[in-house]
Amino acid sequence: MEADPLFGRPWKIAGRFDTFESADKKRKQLSSNKNLQVKVKRQLKGFVVKTRSTLEEQPKRLSRKKQRKEKMNDR
């Protein structure tokens, strides 16, 4: 079984709403984007619409100083 590449990726809040209907309207509006996951979460006071990108980001390249430090630690 493969691990989900999006597992652990943080969600960003797109908006807060008092009613589910208004939150669902915003969710439907945002879900037209194919590269975006959208969900509605119920909270104590209202509802929140959260989003995150489904595009996989390239790993950040380490600076030469950090590369050298890691190389020294591997020895």
N, C-alpha and C. Protein backbone atom coordinates (compact mmCIF):
# COMPACT_ATOMS: atom_id res chain seq x y z
N MET A 1 0.85 -1.18 0.00
CA MET A 1 0.00 0.00 0.00
C MET A 1 0.89 1.24 0.00
N GLU A 2 0.63 2.15 -0.93
CA GLU A 2 1.45 3.35 -1.06
C GLU A 2 0.98 4.43 -0.08
N ALA A 3 1.92 5.22 0.37
CA ALA A 3 1.59 6.34 1.24
C ALA A 3 1.04 7.49 0.41
N ASP A 4 0.09 8.19 0.95
CA ASP A 4 -0.50 9.34 0.28
C ASP A 4 0.51 10.48 0.26
N PRO A 5 0.87 11.00 -0.93
CA PRO A 5 1.87 12.08 -0.97
C PRO A 5 1.38 13.38 -0.33
N LEU A 6 0.07 13.52 -0.14
CA LEU A 6 -0.46 14.74 0.47
C LEU A 6 -0.59 14.61 1.98
N PHE A 7 -0.34 13.42 2.52
CA PHE A 7 -0.48 13.21 3.95
C PHE A 7 0.45 14.14 4.72
N GLY A 8 -0.11 14.86 5.67
CA GLY A 8 0.69 15.77 6.48
C GLY A 8 0.83 17.16 5.92
N ARG A 9 0.38 17.36 4.70
CA ARG A 9 0.47 18.70 4.11
C ARG A 9 -0.58 19.59 4.77
N PRO A 10 -0.21 20.80 5.16
CA PRO A 10 -1.14 21.65 5.91
C PRO A 10 -2.27 22.21 5.05
N TRP A 11 -3.41 22.45 5.69
CA TRP A 11 -4.57 23.07 5.06
C TRP A 11 -4.55 24.56 5.36
N LYS A 12 -5.03 25.37 4.42
CA LYS A 12 -5.14 26.81 4.62
C LYS A 12 -6.61 27.18 4.70
N ILE A 13 -6.94 28.12 5.57
CA ILE A 13 -8.33 28.55 5.74
C ILE A 13 -8.69 29.53 4.64
N ALA A 14 -9.74 29.20 3.89
CA ALA A 14 -10.20 30.06 2.80
C ALA A 14 -11.30 31.00 3.26
N GLY A 15 -11.99 30.66 4.36
CA GLY A 15 -13.04 31.53 4.86
C GLY A 15 -13.77 30.92 6.03
N ARG A 16 -14.40 31.79 6.83
CA ARG A 16 -15.21 31.36 7.97
C ARG A 16 -16.65 31.84 7.73
N PHE A 17 -17.62 30.97 8.05
CA PHE A 17 -19.02 31.25 7.76
C PHE A 17 -19.90 30.86 8.93
N ASP A 18 -21.05 31.52 9.05
CA ASP A 18 -22.00 31.23 10.12
C ASP A 18 -22.90 30.04 9.80
N THR A 19 -23.20 29.85 8.51
CA THR A 19 -24.09 28.76 8.12
C THR A 19 -23.38 27.79 7.17
N PHE A 20 -23.84 26.55 7.17
CA PHE A 20 -23.27 25.55 6.28
C PHE A 20 -23.55 25.90 4.82
N GLU A 21 -24.72 26.45 4.55
CA GLU A 21 -25.10 26.77 3.18
C GLU A 21 -24.11 27.76 2.55
N SER A 22 -23.72 28.79 3.29
CA SER A 22 -22.77 29.76 2.75
C SER A 22 -21.38 29.15 2.61
N ALA A 23 -20.98 28.28 3.54
CA ALA A 23 -19.69 27.60 3.45
C ALA A 23 -19.68 26.63 2.27
N ASP A 24 -20.78 25.93 2.06
CA ASP A 24 -20.88 24.99 0.95
C ASP A 24 -20.84 25.72 -0.39
N LYS A 25 -21.43 26.89 -0.45
CA LYS A 25 -21.40 27.70 -1.66
C LYS A 25 -19.95 28.07 -2.01
N LYS A 26 -19.18 28.47 -1.01
CA LYS A 26 -17.78 28.82 -1.21
C LYS A 26 -16.98 27.57 -1.61
N ARG A 27 -17.26 26.42 -0.99
CA ARG A 27 -16.59 25.17 -1.32
C ARG A 27 -16.82 24.79 -2.77
N LYS A 28 -18.05 24.90 -3.23
CA LYS A 28 -18.37 24.56 -4.62
C LYS A 28 -17.67 25.50 -5.58
N GLN A 29 -17.56 26.77 -5.20
CA GLN A 29 -16.89 27.77 -6.03
C GLN A 29 -15.40 27.42 -6.16
N LEU A 30 -14.76 27.05 -5.05
CA LEU A 30 -13.33 26.74 -5.06
C LEU A 30 -13.03 25.38 -5.67
N SER A 31 -13.97 24.44 -5.60
CA SER A 31 -13.70 23.09 -6.08
C SER A 31 -13.65 22.99 -7.60
N SER A 32 -13.96 24.07 -8.31
CA SER A 32 -13.84 24.05 -9.77
C SER A 32 -12.38 23.96 -10.20
N ASN A 33 -11.46 24.35 -9.31
CA ASN A 33 -10.03 24.24 -9.59
C ASN A 33 -9.60 22.79 -9.37
N LYS A 34 -9.07 22.15 -10.40
CA LYS A 34 -8.70 20.72 -10.32
C LYS A 34 -7.49 20.48 -9.43
N ASN A 35 -6.63 21.47 -9.23
CA ASN A 35 -5.41 21.31 -8.45
C ASN A 35 -5.60 21.71 -6.99
N LEU A 36 -6.84 21.67 -6.50
CA LEU A 36 -7.12 22.15 -5.16
C LEU A 36 -8.08 21.18 -4.46
N GLN A 37 -7.73 20.77 -3.25
CA GLN A 37 -8.65 20.00 -2.42
C GLN A 37 -9.37 20.98 -1.51
N VAL A 38 -10.68 20.79 -1.35
CA VAL A 38 -11.48 21.71 -0.55
C VAL A 38 -12.35 20.89 0.40
N LYS A 39 -12.49 21.39 1.64
CA LYS A 39 -13.37 20.72 2.60
C LYS A 39 -14.01 21.77 3.51
N VAL A 40 -15.16 21.39 4.09
CA VAL A 40 -15.87 22.24 5.05
C VAL A 40 -15.78 21.55 6.41
N LYS A 41 -15.35 22.30 7.40
CA LYS A 41 -15.23 21.76 8.76
C LYS A 41 -16.17 22.53 9.68
N ARG A 42 -16.88 21.80 10.54
CA ARG A 42 -17.75 22.42 11.52
C ARG A 42 -16.93 22.74 12.77
N GLN A 43 -17.13 23.94 13.30
CA GLN A 43 -16.44 24.34 14.52
C GLN A 43 -17.48 24.78 15.55
N LEU A 44 -17.02 25.15 16.73
CA LEU A 44 -17.96 25.56 17.78
C LEU A 44 -18.83 26.73 17.33
N LYS A 45 -18.21 27.69 16.67
CA LYS A 45 -18.96 28.86 16.20
C LYS A 45 -18.90 28.93 14.68
N GLY A 46 -19.73 28.18 14.01
CA GLY A 46 -19.82 28.27 12.57
C GLY A 46 -19.06 27.18 11.82
N PHE A 47 -18.67 27.51 10.59
CA PHE A 47 -18.04 26.58 9.68
C PHE A 47 -16.82 27.24 9.04
N VAL A 48 -15.85 26.40 8.66
CA VAL A 48 -14.62 26.87 8.04
C VAL A 48 -14.42 26.12 6.74
N VAL A 49 -14.02 26.83 5.68
CA VAL A 49 -13.66 26.21 4.41
C VAL A 49 -12.14 26.18 4.34
N LYS A 50 -11.59 24.97 4.13
CA LYS A 50 -10.14 24.80 4.08
C LYS A 50 -9.73 24.26 2.72
N THR A 51 -8.53 24.66 2.27
CA THR A 51 -8.02 24.24 0.98
C THR A 51 -6.55 23.83 1.09
N ARG A 52 -6.12 23.00 0.13
CA ARG A 52 -4.70 22.71 -0.04
C ARG A 52 -4.45 22.26 -1.47
N SER A 53 -3.26 22.51 -1.94
CA SER A 53 -2.89 22.19 -3.31
C SER A 53 -2.59 20.70 -3.45
N THR A 54 -2.94 20.13 -4.59
CA THR A 54 -2.65 18.72 -4.85
C THR A 54 -1.37 18.57 -5.65
N LEU A 55 -0.76 19.67 -6.06
CA LEU A 55 0.49 19.61 -6.81
C LEU A 55 1.63 19.27 -5.87
N GLU A 56 2.49 18.35 -6.30
CA GLU A 56 3.63 17.96 -5.48
C GLU A 56 4.74 18.97 -5.69
N GLU A 57 5.27 19.47 -4.58
CA GLU A 57 6.34 20.45 -4.65
C GLU A 57 7.68 19.74 -4.79
N GLN A 58 8.60 20.40 -5.48
CA GLN A 58 9.96 19.87 -5.59
C GLN A 58 10.67 20.04 -4.26
N PRO A 59 11.46 19.07 -3.85
CA PRO A 59 12.19 19.24 -2.59
C PRO A 59 13.16 20.41 -2.70
N LYS A 60 13.29 21.14 -1.59
CA LYS A 60 14.16 22.31 -1.59
C LYS A 60 15.62 21.85 -1.62
N ARG A 61 16.40 22.59 -2.37
CA ARG A 61 17.82 22.26 -2.49
C ARG A 61 18.57 22.86 -1.31
N LEU A 62 19.47 22.09 -0.75
CA LEU A 62 20.26 22.56 0.38
C LEU A 62 21.38 23.47 -0.11
N SER A 63 21.75 24.42 0.73
CA SER A 63 22.88 25.28 0.39
C SER A 63 24.16 24.46 0.45
N ARG A 64 25.20 24.96 -0.14
CA ARG A 64 26.47 24.22 -0.17
C ARG A 64 27.00 23.99 1.25
N LYS A 65 26.80 24.97 2.11
CA LYS A 65 27.28 24.85 3.48
C LYS A 65 26.56 23.69 4.20
N LYS A 66 25.24 23.59 4.02
CA LYS A 66 24.47 22.53 4.65
C LYS A 66 24.79 21.17 4.03
N GLN A 67 25.04 21.15 2.70
CA GLN A 67 25.42 19.90 2.05
C GLN A 67 26.73 19.39 2.61
N ARG A 68 27.70 20.29 2.79
CA ARG A 68 29.00 19.91 3.32
C ARG A 68 28.87 19.40 4.76
N LYS A 69 28.01 20.08 5.54
CA LYS A 69 27.81 19.68 6.94
C LYS A 69 27.20 18.27 7.01
N GLU A 70 26.21 17.98 6.17
CA GLU A 70 25.61 16.65 6.14
C GLU A 70 26.61 15.59 5.71
N LYS A 71 27.45 15.96 4.74
CA LYS A 71 28.46 15.02 4.24
C LYS A 71 29.46 14.68 5.35
N MET A 72 29.82 15.67 6.16
CA MET A 72 30.75 15.46 7.26
C MET A 72 30.12 14.57 8.34
N ASN A 73 28.80 14.72 8.57
CA ASN A 73 28.10 13.92 9.57
C ASN A 73 27.93 12.46 9.15
N ASP A 74 27.92 12.21 7.84
CA ASP A 74 27.75 10.85 7.33
C ASP A 74 29.00 10.00 7.52
N ARG A 75 30.15 10.63 7.67
CA ARG A 75 31.41 9.88 7.79
C ARG A 75 31.49 9.14 9.05
